[in-house]
Amino acid sequence: RGFVNAKIPPGKLREFCPLDEAGERRLNGLQRLGLSARSHDRVLKV
């Protein structure tokens, strides 16, 4: 893919880690608990 997962640039994150509607809802739920944007990206990479 051109990147190890830990090094996926923010601009490519949605390309390599797409979410369906249910995934978006779940991640948005975590953000209500104080998940930062950086943590959000890290969850997708993991």
All heavy atoms as atom14 arrays in JSON, in Angstrom:
{
  "sequence": "RGFVNAKIPPGKLREFCPLDEAGERRLNGLQRLGLSARSHDRVLKV",
  "atom14_mask": [
    [1, 1, 1, 1, 1, 1, 1, 1, 1, 1, 1, 0, 0, 0],
    [1, 1, 1, 1, 0, 0, 0, 0, 0, 0, 0, 0, 0, 0],
    [1, 1, 1, 1, 1, 1, 1, 1, 1, 1, 1, 0, 0, 0],
    [1, 1, 1, 1, 1, 1, 1, 0, 0, 0, 0, 0, 0, 0],
    [1, 1, 1, 1, 1, 1, 1, 1, 0, 0, 0, 0, 0, 0],
    [1, 1, 1, 1, 1, 0, 0, 0, 0, 0, 0, 0, 0, 0],
    [1, 1, 1, 1, 1, 1, 1, 1, 1, 0, 0, 0, 0, 0],
    [1, 1, 1, 1, 1, 1, 1, 1, 0, 0, 0, 0, 0, 0],
    [1, 1, 1, 1, 1, 1, 1, 0, 0, 0, 0, 0, 0, 0],
    [1, 1, 1, 1, 1, 1, 1, 0, 0, 0, 0, 0, 0, 0],
    [1, 1, 1, 1, 0, 0, 0, 0, 0, 0, 0, 0, 0, 0],
    [1, 1, 1, 1, 1, 1, 1, 1, 1, 0, 0, 0, 0, 0],
    [1, 1, 1, 1, 1, 1, 1, 1, 0, 0, 0, 0, 0, 0],
    [1, 1, 1, 1, 1, 1, 1, 1, 1, 1, 1, 0, 0, 0],
    [1, 1, 1, 1, 1, 1, 1, 1, 1, 0, 0, 0, 0, 0],
    [1, 1, 1, 1, 1, 1, 1, 1, 1, 1, 1, 0, 0, 0],
    [1, 1, 1, 1, 1, 1, 0, 0, 0, 0, 0, 0, 0, 0],
    [1, 1, 1, 1, 1, 1, 1, 0, 0, 0, 0, 0, 0, 0],
    [1, 1, 1, 1, 1, 1, 1, 1, 0, 0, 0, 0, 0, 0],
    [1, 1, 1, 1, 1, 1, 1, 1, 0, 0, 0, 0, 0, 0],
    [1, 1, 1, 1, 1, 1, 1, 1, 1, 0, 0, 0, 0, 0],
    [1, 1, 1, 1, 1, 0, 0, 0, 0, 0, 0, 0, 0, 0],
    [1, 1, 1, 1, 0, 0, 0, 0, 0, 0, 0, 0, 0, 0],
    [1, 1, 1, 1, 1, 1, 1, 1, 1, 0, 0, 0, 0, 0],
    [1, 1, 1, 1, 1, 1, 1, 1, 1, 1, 1, 0, 0, 0],
    [1, 1, 1, 1, 1, 1, 1, 1, 1, 1, 1, 0, 0, 0],
    [1, 1, 1, 1, 1, 1, 1, 1, 0, 0, 0, 0, 0, 0],
    [1, 1, 1, 1, 1, 1, 1, 1, 0, 0, 0, 0, 0, 0],
    [1, 1, 1, 1, 0, 0, 0, 0, 0, 0, 0, 0, 0, 0],
    [1, 1, 1, 1, 1, 1, 1, 1, 0, 0, 0, 0, 0, 0],
    [1, 1, 1, 1, 1, 1, 1, 1, 1, 0, 0, 0, 0, 0],
    [1, 1, 1, 1, 1, 1, 1, 1, 1, 1, 1, 0, 0, 0],
    [1, 1, 1, 1, 1, 1, 1, 1, 0, 0, 0, 0, 0, 0],
    [1, 1, 1, 1, 0, 0, 0, 0, 0, 0, 0, 0, 0, 0],
    [1, 1, 1, 1, 1, 1, 1, 1, 0, 0, 0, 0, 0, 0],
    [1, 1, 1, 1, 1, 1, 0, 0, 0, 0, 0, 0, 0, 0],
    [1, 1, 1, 1, 1, 0, 0, 0, 0, 0, 0, 0, 0, 0],
    [1, 1, 1, 1, 1, 1, 1, 1, 1, 1, 1, 0, 0, 0],
    [1, 1, 1, 1, 1, 1, 0, 0, 0, 0, 0, 0, 0, 0],
    [1, 1, 1, 1, 1, 1, 1, 1, 1, 1, 0, 0, 0, 0],
    [1, 1, 1, 1, 1, 1, 1, 1, 0, 0, 0, 0, 0, 0],
    [1, 1, 1, 1, 1, 1, 1, 1, 1, 1, 1, 0, 0, 0],
    [1, 1, 1, 1, 1, 1, 1, 0, 0, 0, 0, 0, 0, 0],
    [1, 1, 1, 1, 1, 1, 1, 1, 0, 0, 0, 0, 0, 0],
    [1, 1, 1, 1, 1, 1, 1, 1, 1, 0, 0, 0, 0, 0],
    [1, 1, 1, 1, 1, 1, 1, 0, 0, 0, 0, 0, 0, 0]
  ],
  "atom14_positions": [
    [[0.83, -1.21, 0.0], [0.0, 0.0, 0.0], [0.86, 1.26, 0.0], [0.38, 2.35, -0.26], [-0.92, 0.03, 1.23], [-2.1, -0.9, 1.1], [-3.16, -0.59, 2.14], [-2.71, -0.84, 3.49], [-2.87, -1.98, 4.15], [-3.46, -3.0, 3.56], [-2.43, -2.1, 5.37], [0.0, 0.0, 0.0], [0.0, 0.0, 0.0], [0.0, 0.0, 0.0]],
    [[2.13, 1.11, 0.33], [3.04, 2.25, 0.32], [3.36, 2.82, 1.68], [4.22, 3.69, 1.81], [0.0, 0.0, 0.0], [0.0, 0.0, 0.0], [0.0, 0.0, 0.0], [0.0, 0.0, 0.0], [0.0, 0.0, 0.0], [0.0, 0.0, 0.0], [0.0, 0.0, 0.0], [0.0, 0.0, 0.0], [0.0, 0.0, 0.0], [0.0, 0.0, 0.0]],
    [[2.67, 2.37, 2.71], [2.89, 2.87, 4.07], [2.69, 1.74, 5.07], [1.77, 0.95, 4.92], [1.85, 3.94, 4.46], [1.73, 5.08, 3.5], [0.71, 5.1, 2.56], [2.62, 6.12, 3.54], [0.58, 6.15, 1.68], [2.51, 7.18, 2.66], [1.49, 7.2, 1.73], [0.0, 0.0, 0.0], [0.0, 0.0, 0.0], [0.0, 0.0, 0.0]],
    [[3.52, 1.71, 6.1], [3.15, 0.86, 7.24], [2.0, 1.61, 7.92], [1.88, 2.83, 7.82], [4.33, 0.61, 8.21], [5.39, -0.24, 7.55], [4.9, 1.88, 8.76], [0.0, 0.0, 0.0], [0.0, 0.0, 0.0], [0.0, 0.0, 0.0], [0.0, 0.0, 0.0], [0.0, 0.0, 0.0], [0.0, 0.0, 0.0], [0.0, 0.0, 0.0]],
    [[1.13, 0.9, 8.57], [-0.08, 1.51, 9.1], [0.19, 2.67, 10.05], [-0.53, 3.66, 10.04], [-0.95, 0.46, 9.78], [-1.49, -0.55, 8.77], [-1.55, -0.28, 7.58], [-1.87, -1.71, 9.23], [0.0, 0.0, 0.0], [0.0, 0.0, 0.0], [0.0, 0.0, 0.0], [0.0, 0.0, 0.0], [0.0, 0.0, 0.0], [0.0, 0.0, 0.0]],
    [[1.22, 2.57, 10.84], [1.53, 3.64, 11.79], [1.92, 4.94, 11.09], [1.81, 6.01, 11.67], [2.66, 3.21, 12.72], [0.0, 0.0, 0.0], [0.0, 0.0, 0.0], [0.0, 0.0, 0.0], [0.0, 0.0, 0.0], [0.0, 0.0, 0.0], [0.0, 0.0, 0.0], [0.0, 0.0, 0.0], [0.0, 0.0, 0.0], [0.0, 0.0, 0.0]],
    [[2.33, 4.86, 9.84], [2.8, 6.04, 9.1], [1.82, 6.5, 8.02], [2.19, 7.32, 7.18], [4.16, 5.74, 8.45], [5.24, 5.34, 9.42], [5.61, 6.49, 10.31], [6.76, 6.07, 11.22], [7.14, 7.09, 12.16], [0.0, 0.0, 0.0], [0.0, 0.0, 0.0], [0.0, 0.0, 0.0], [0.0, 0.0, 0.0], [0.0, 0.0, 0.0]],
    [[0.59, 6.01, 8.03], [-0.38, 6.47, 7.04], [-0.6, 7.96, 7.27], [-0.98, 8.38, 8.37], [-1.72, 5.71, 7.16], [-1.54, 4.23, 6.88], [-2.76, 6.32, 6.21], [-2.79, 3.39, 7.14], [0.0, 0.0, 0.0], [0.0, 0.0, 0.0], [0.0, 0.0, 0.0], [0.0, 0.0, 0.0], [0.0, 0.0, 0.0], [0.0, 0.0, 0.0]],
    [[-0.38, 8.78, 6.24], [-0.59, 10.22, 6.41], [-2.07, 10.54, 6.65], [-2.95, 9.83, 6.14], [-0.14, 10.83, 5.08], [0.53, 9.74, 4.33], [0.11, 8.44, 4.92], [0.0, 0.0, 0.0], [0.0, 0.0, 0.0], [0.0, 0.0, 0.0], [0.0, 0.0, 0.0], [0.0, 0.0, 0.0], [0.0, 0.0, 0.0], [0.0, 0.0, 0.0]],
    [[-2.36, 11.58, 7.42], [-3.76, 11.91, 7.71], [-4.62, 12.06, 6.45], [-5.78, 11.65, 6.45], [-3.66, 13.25, 8.47], [-2.3, 13.23, 9.07], [-1.43, 12.47, 8.11], [0.0, 0.0, 0.0], [0.0, 0.0, 0.0], [0.0, 0.0, 0.0], [0.0, 0.0, 0.0], [0.0, 0.0, 0.0], [0.0, 0.0, 0.0], [0.0, 0.0, 0.0]],
    [[-4.07, 12.59, 5.39], [-4.83, 12.77, 4.17], [-5.18, 11.47, 3.45], [-6.07, 11.43, 2.61], [0.0, 0.0, 0.0], [0.0, 0.0, 0.0], [0.0, 0.0, 0.0], [0.0, 0.0, 0.0], [0.0, 0.0, 0.0], [0.0, 0.0, 0.0], [0.0, 0.0, 0.0], [0.0, 0.0, 0.0], [0.0, 0.0, 0.0], [0.0, 0.0, 0.0]],
    [[-4.49, 10.39, 3.78], [-4.74, 9.08, 3.16], [-5.51, 8.14, 4.08], [-5.87, 7.04, 3.68], [-3.41, 8.42, 2.79], [-2.6, 9.13, 1.75], [-3.12, 8.75, 0.4], [-2.21, 9.29, -0.68], [-2.69, 8.93, -1.99], [0.0, 0.0, 0.0], [0.0, 0.0, 0.0], [0.0, 0.0, 0.0], [0.0, 0.0, 0.0], [0.0, 0.0, 0.0]],
    [[-5.75, 8.57, 5.3], [-6.34, 7.68, 6.3], [-7.7, 7.13, 5.87], [-7.96, 5.94, 5.97], [-6.47, 8.41, 7.63], [-6.69, 7.55, 8.85], [-5.59, 6.52, 9.01], [-6.77, 8.4, 10.09], [0.0, 0.0, 0.0], [0.0, 0.0, 0.0], [0.0, 0.0, 0.0], [0.0, 0.0, 0.0], [0.0, 0.0, 0.0], [0.0, 0.0, 0.0]],
    [[-8.57, 7.98, 5.35], [-9.9, 7.52, 4.92], [-9.82, 6.58, 3.71], [-10.66, 5.72, 3.54], [-10.8, 8.71, 4.58], [-11.21, 9.49, 5.79], [-12.12, 8.68, 6.65], [-12.55, 9.47, 7.79], [-13.38, 9.03, 8.68], [-13.88, 7.82, 8.58], [-13.72, 9.77, 9.69], [0.0, 0.0, 0.0], [0.0, 0.0, 0.0], [0.0, 0.0, 0.0]],
    [[-8.79, 6.74, 2.9], [-8.61, 5.85, 1.75], [-8.26, 4.44, 2.2], [-8.79, 3.46, 1.69], [-7.51, 6.41, 0.85], [-7.19, 5.55, -0.35], [-6.05, 6.12, -1.17], [-5.74, 7.31, -1.07], [-5.45, 5.33, -1.93], [0.0, 0.0, 0.0], [0.0, 0.0, 0.0], [0.0, 0.0, 0.0], [0.0, 0.0, 0.0], [0.0, 0.0, 0.0]],
    [[-7.35, 4.33, 3.17], [-6.89, 3.03, 3.62], [-7.72, 2.46, 4.76], [-7.67, 1.26, 5.02], [-5.43, 3.1, 4.06], [-4.49, 3.41, 2.93], [-3.73, 4.57, 2.94], [-4.38, 2.56, 1.85], [-2.87, 4.87, 1.9], [-3.52, 2.85, 0.8], [-2.76, 4.01, 0.82], [0.0, 0.0, 0.0], [0.0, 0.0, 0.0], [0.0, 0.0, 0.0]],
    [[-8.47, 3.31, 5.45], [-9.26, 2.88, 6.61], [-10.69, 3.41, 6.52], [-11.14, 4.18, 7.37], [-8.61, 3.4, 7.89], [-6.89, 2.97, 8.09], [0.0, 0.0, 0.0], [0.0, 0.0, 0.0], [0.0, 0.0, 0.0], [0.0, 0.0, 0.0], [0.0, 0.0, 0.0], [0.0, 0.0, 0.0], [0.0, 0.0, 0.0], [0.0, 0.0, 0.0]],
    [[-11.42, 3.02, 5.48], [-12.79, 3.53, 5.34], [-13.71, 2.93, 6.41], [-13.51, 1.82, 6.86], [-13.2, 3.06, 3.95], [-12.39, 1.83, 3.73], [-11.08, 2.07, 4.43], [0.0, 0.0, 0.0], [0.0, 0.0, 0.0], [0.0, 0.0, 0.0], [0.0, 0.0, 0.0], [0.0, 0.0, 0.0], [0.0, 0.0, 0.0], [0.0, 0.0, 0.0]],
    [[-14.71, 3.71, 6.8], [-15.69, 3.24, 7.77], [-17.07, 3.19, 7.12], [-17.41, 4.04, 6.3], [-15.77, 4.2, 8.96], [-14.58, 4.24, 9.9], [-14.77, 5.34, 10.92], [-14.4, 2.9, 10.59], [0.0, 0.0, 0.0], [0.0, 0.0, 0.0], [0.0, 0.0, 0.0], [0.0, 0.0, 0.0], [0.0, 0.0, 0.0], [0.0, 0.0, 0.0]],
    [[-17.86, 2.2, 7.51], [-19.26, 2.2, 7.1], [-20.04, 3.05, 8.1], [-19.46, 3.61, 9.04], [-19.8, 0.77, 7.0], [-19.78, 0.02, 8.32], [-19.47, 0.63, 9.37], [-20.08, -1.18, 8.32], [0.0, 0.0, 0.0], [0.0, 0.0, 0.0], [0.0, 0.0, 0.0], [0.0, 0.0, 0.0], [0.0, 0.0, 0.0], [0.0, 0.0, 0.0]],
    [[-21.33, 3.18, 7.91], [-22.14, 4.03, 8.79], [-22.08, 3.58, 10.24], [-21.99, 4.4, 11.15], [-23.58, 4.07, 8.31], [-23.78, 4.9, 7.07], [-25.24, 4.98, 6.68], [-26.1, 5.11, 7.58], [-25.51, 4.92, 5.47], [0.0, 0.0, 0.0], [0.0, 0.0, 0.0], [0.0, 0.0, 0.0], [0.0, 0.0, 0.0], [0.0, 0.0, 0.0]],
    [[-22.14, 2.28, 10.46], [-22.1, 1.76, 11.83], [-20.75, 2.06, 12.49], [-20.69, 2.42, 13.67], [-22.37, 0.25, 11.84], [0.0, 0.0, 0.0], [0.0, 0.0, 0.0], [0.0, 0.0, 0.0], [0.0, 0.0, 0.0], [0.0, 0.0, 0.0], [0.0, 0.0, 0.0], [0.0, 0.0, 0.0], [0.0, 0.0, 0.0], [0.0, 0.0, 0.0]],
    [[-19.69, 1.94, 11.73], [-18.36, 2.26, 12.26], [-18.23, 3.73, 12.61], [-17.65, 4.09, 13.64], [0.0, 0.0, 0.0], [0.0, 0.0, 0.0], [0.0, 0.0, 0.0], [0.0, 0.0, 0.0], [0.0, 0.0, 0.0], [0.0, 0.0, 0.0], [0.0, 0.0, 0.0], [0.0, 0.0, 0.0], [0.0, 0.0, 0.0], [0.0, 0.0, 0.0]],
    [[-18.79, 4.6, 11.76], [-18.78, 6.04, 12.04], [-19.54, 6.34, 13.33], [-19.08, 7.12, 14.16], [-19.4, 6.82, 10.88], [-18.53, 6.93, 9.66], [-17.37, 7.91, 9.82], [-17.27, 8.63, 10.83], [-16.54, 7.93, 8.9], [0.0, 0.0, 0.0], [0.0, 0.0, 0.0], [0.0, 0.0, 0.0], [0.0, 0.0, 0.0], [0.0, 0.0, 0.0]],
    [[-20.7, 5.72, 13.49], [-21.49, 5.95, 14.7], [-20.73, 5.5, 15.94], [-20.72, 6.2, 16.96], [-22.83, 5.23, 14.62], [-23.85, 5.94, 13.75], [-25.25, 5.37, 13.94], [-25.33, 3.93, 13.76], [-25.51, 3.32, 12.58], [-25.65, 4.03, 11.49], [-25.59, 2.02, 12.51], [0.0, 0.0, 0.0], [0.0, 0.0, 0.0], [0.0, 0.0, 0.0]],
    [[-20.09, 4.36, 15.85], [-19.36, 3.85, 17.01], [-18.2, 4.77, 17.37], [-17.99, 5.1, 18.53], [-18.84, 2.44, 16.75], [-18.1, 1.9, 17.96], [-17.87, 0.45, 17.87], [-19.15, -0.21, 18.1], [-19.28, -1.5, 18.28], [-18.24, -2.27, 18.25], [-20.46, -2.04, 18.47], [0.0, 0.0, 0.0], [0.0, 0.0, 0.0], [0.0, 0.0, 0.0]],
    [[-17.46, 5.21, 16.36], [-16.34, 6.09, 16.62], [-16.81, 7.45, 17.13], [-16.18, 8.04, 18.01], [-15.5, 6.25, 15.35], [-14.0, 6.21, 15.51], [-13.51, 5.13, 16.46], [-13.32, 6.06, 14.17], [0.0, 0.0, 0.0], [0.0, 0.0, 0.0], [0.0, 0.0, 0.0], [0.0, 0.0, 0.0], [0.0, 0.0, 0.0], [0.0, 0.0, 0.0]],
    [[-17.93, 7.94, 16.6], [-18.49, 9.2, 17.1], [-18.91, 9.06, 18.56], [-18.78, 10.01, 19.33], [-19.67, 9.65, 16.24], [-19.22, 10.16, 14.9], [-18.07, 10.58, 14.72], [-20.11, 10.13, 13.93], [0.0, 0.0, 0.0], [0.0, 0.0, 0.0], [0.0, 0.0, 0.0], [0.0, 0.0, 0.0], [0.0, 0.0, 0.0], [0.0, 0.0, 0.0]],
    [[-19.39, 7.9, 18.93], [-19.74, 7.64, 20.33], [-18.52, 7.75, 21.23], [-18.59, 8.3, 22.33], [0.0, 0.0, 0.0], [0.0, 0.0, 0.0], [0.0, 0.0, 0.0], [0.0, 0.0, 0.0], [0.0, 0.0, 0.0], [0.0, 0.0, 0.0], [0.0, 0.0, 0.0], [0.0, 0.0, 0.0], [0.0, 0.0, 0.0], [0.0, 0.0, 0.0]],
    [[-17.39, 7.26, 20.76], [-16.16, 7.37, 21.54], [-15.72, 8.82, 21.66], [-15.19, 9.23, 22.69], [-15.05, 6.53, 20.89], [-15.2, 5.03, 20.96], [-14.09, 4.34, 20.17], [-15.19, 4.55, 22.4], [0.0, 0.0, 0.0], [0.0, 0.0, 0.0], [0.0, 0.0, 0.0], [0.0, 0.0, 0.0], [0.0, 0.0, 0.0], [0.0, 0.0, 0.0]],
    [[-15.94, 9.61, 20.63], [-15.56, 11.02, 20.67], [-16.35, 11.77, 21.73], [-15.83, 12.69, 22.36], [-15.73, 11.67, 19.31], [-14.65, 11.23, 18.34], [-14.84, 11.8, 16.96], [-15.96, 11.92, 16.48], [-13.74, 12.12, 16.32], [0.0, 0.0, 0.0], [0.0, 0.0, 0.0], [0.0, 0.0, 0.0], [0.0, 0.0, 0.0], [0.0, 0.0, 0.0]],
    [[-17.59, 11.38, 21.95], [-18.39, 12.01, 23.01], [-17.77, 11.74, 24.37], [-18.0, 12.48, 25.32], [-19.83, 11.51, 22.97], [-20.63, 12.12, 21.84], [-22.12, 11.85, 22.03], [-22.44, 10.44, 22.11], [-22.82, 9.69, 21.08], [-22.94, 10.22, 19.89], [-23.11, 8.42, 21.25], [0.0, 0.0, 0.0], [0.0, 0.0, 0.0], [0.0, 0.0, 0.0]],
    [[-16.97, 10.69, 24.46], [-16.3, 10.37, 25.72], [-14.93, 11.05, 25.82], [-14.18, 10.8, 26.75], [-16.11, 8.85, 25.85], [-17.4, 8.03, 25.91], [-17.08, 6.55, 25.91], [-18.2, 8.4, 27.14], [0.0, 0.0, 0.0], [0.0, 0.0, 0.0], [0.0, 0.0, 0.0], [0.0, 0.0, 0.0], [0.0, 0.0, 0.0], [0.0, 0.0, 0.0]],
    [[-14.63, 11.92, 24.85], [-13.39, 12.68, 24.92], [-12.27, 12.18, 24.03], [-11.12, 12.53, 24.22], [0.0, 0.0, 0.0], [0.0, 0.0, 0.0], [0.0, 0.0, 0.0], [0.0, 0.0, 0.0], [0.0, 0.0, 0.0], [0.0, 0.0, 0.0], [0.0, 0.0, 0.0], [0.0, 0.0, 0.0], [0.0, 0.0, 0.0], [0.0, 0.0, 0.0]],
    [[-12.6, 11.38, 23.02], [-11.59, 10.88, 22.08], [-11.08, 12.04, 21.22], [-11.86, 12.72, 20.57], [-12.2, 9.79, 21.2], [-11.29, 9.05, 20.24], [-10.3, 8.19, 21.01], [-12.11, 8.18, 19.3], [0.0, 0.0, 0.0], [0.0, 0.0, 0.0], [0.0, 0.0, 0.0], [0.0, 0.0, 0.0], [0.0, 0.0, 0.0], [0.0, 0.0, 0.0]],
    [[-9.79, 12.26, 21.24], [-9.21, 13.34, 20.44], [-9.11, 12.91, 18.98], [-9.25, 11.72, 18.65], [-7.81, 13.68, 20.95], [-6.92, 12.6, 20.71], [0.0, 0.0, 0.0], [0.0, 0.0, 0.0], [0.0, 0.0, 0.0], [0.0, 0.0, 0.0], [0.0, 0.0, 0.0], [0.0, 0.0, 0.0], [0.0, 0.0, 0.0], [0.0, 0.0, 0.0]],
    [[-8.86, 13.86, 18.09], [-8.69, 13.54, 16.67], [-7.51, 12.59, 16.48], [-7.57, 11.66, 15.67], [-8.48, 14.82, 15.87], [0.0, 0.0, 0.0], [0.0, 0.0, 0.0], [0.0, 0.0, 0.0], [0.0, 0.0, 0.0], [0.0, 0.0, 0.0], [0.0, 0.0, 0.0], [0.0, 0.0, 0.0], [0.0, 0.0, 0.0], [0.0, 0.0, 0.0]],
    [[-6.46, 12.8, 17.22], [-5.29, 11.92, 17.13], [-5.64, 10.5, 17.57], [-5.24, 9.52, 16.93], [-4.16, 12.48, 18.0], [-2.88, 11.72, 17.89], [-1.8, 12.4, 18.69], [-0.58, 11.62, 18.64], [0.45, 11.82, 19.39], [0.45, 12.82, 20.26], [1.51, 11.07, 19.29], [0.0, 0.0, 0.0], [0.0, 0.0, 0.0], [0.0, 0.0, 0.0]],
    [[-6.4, 10.38, 18.63], [-6.83, 9.07, 19.1], [-7.75, 8.4, 18.08], [-7.66, 7.2, 17.85], [-7.56, 9.18, 20.44], [-6.67, 9.65, 21.44], [0.0, 0.0, 0.0], [0.0, 0.0, 0.0], [0.0, 0.0, 0.0], [0.0, 0.0, 0.0], [0.0, 0.0, 0.0], [0.0, 0.0, 0.0], [0.0, 0.0, 0.0], [0.0, 0.0, 0.0]],
    [[-8.62, 9.18, 17.47], [-9.51, 8.68, 16.43], [-8.68, 8.05, 15.31], [-8.95, 6.93, 14.88], [-10.35, 9.85, 15.9], [-11.21, 9.53, 14.74], [-10.75, 9.56, 13.45], [-12.52, 9.19, 14.68], [-11.73, 9.24, 12.63], [-12.81, 9.01, 13.34], [0.0, 0.0, 0.0], [0.0, 0.0, 0.0], [0.0, 0.0, 0.0], [0.0, 0.0, 0.0]],
    [[-7.65, 8.76, 14.84], [-6.79, 8.25, 13.79], [-6.06, 6.99, 14.22], [-5.93, 6.03, 13.46], [-5.77, 9.31, 13.35], [-6.41, 10.47, 12.62], [-7.64, 10.43, 12.37], [-5.68, 11.43, 12.31], [0.0, 0.0, 0.0], [0.0, 0.0, 0.0], [0.0, 0.0, 0.0], [0.0, 0.0, 0.0], [0.0, 0.0, 0.0], [0.0, 0.0, 0.0]],
    [[-5.63, 6.97, 15.46], [-4.91, 5.8, 15.97], [-5.82, 4.57, 16.02], [-5.4, 3.46, 15.68], [-4.34, 6.09, 17.35], [-3.61, 4.88, 17.93], [-2.72, 5.27, 19.06], [-1.4, 5.44, 18.45], [-0.46, 6.21, 18.92], [-0.67, 6.92, 19.99], [0.71, 6.28, 18.35], [0.0, 0.0, 0.0], [0.0, 0.0, 0.0], [0.0, 0.0, 0.0]],
    [[-7.08, 4.76, 16.4], [-8.04, 3.65, 16.43], [-8.18, 3.06, 15.02], [-8.18, 1.84, 14.84], [-9.41, 4.1, 16.98], [-10.49, 3.07, 16.72], [-9.31, 4.4, 18.47], [0.0, 0.0, 0.0], [0.0, 0.0, 0.0], [0.0, 0.0, 0.0], [0.0, 0.0, 0.0], [0.0, 0.0, 0.0], [0.0, 0.0, 0.0], [0.0, 0.0, 0.0]],
    [[-8.29, 3.94, 14.01], [-8.4, 3.46, 12.63], [-7.16, 2.69, 12.2], [-7.26, 1.65, 11.54], [-8.64, 4.64, 11.68], [-9.99, 5.33, 11.8], [-10.04, 6.52, 10.85], [-11.12, 4.38, 11.54], [0.0, 0.0, 0.0], [0.0, 0.0, 0.0], [0.0, 0.0, 0.0], [0.0, 0.0, 0.0], [0.0, 0.0, 0.0], [0.0, 0.0, 0.0]],
    [[-6.0, 3.16, 12.58], [-4.75, 2.48, 12.2], [-4.64, 1.12, 12.87], [-4.19, 0.15, 12.25], [-3.55, 3.35, 12.54], [-3.45, 4.59, 11.66], [-2.33, 5.5, 12.11], [-2.3, 6.77, 11.29], [-1.18, 7.65, 11.69], [0.0, 0.0, 0.0], [0.0, 0.0, 0.0], [0.0, 0.0, 0.0], [0.0, 0.0, 0.0], [0.0, 0.0, 0.0]],
    [[-5.04, 1.04, 14.12], [-5.01, -0.25, 14.83], [-6.0, -1.22, 14.19], [-5.69, -2.4, 13.98], [-5.29, -0.07, 16.34], [-5.51, -1.41, 17.02], [-4.13, 0.66, 17.0], [0.0, 0.0, 0.0], [0.0, 0.0, 0.0], [0.0, 0.0, 0.0], [0.0, 0.0, 0.0], [0.0, 0.0, 0.0], [0.0, 0.0, 0.0], [0.0, 0.0, 0.0]]
  ]
}
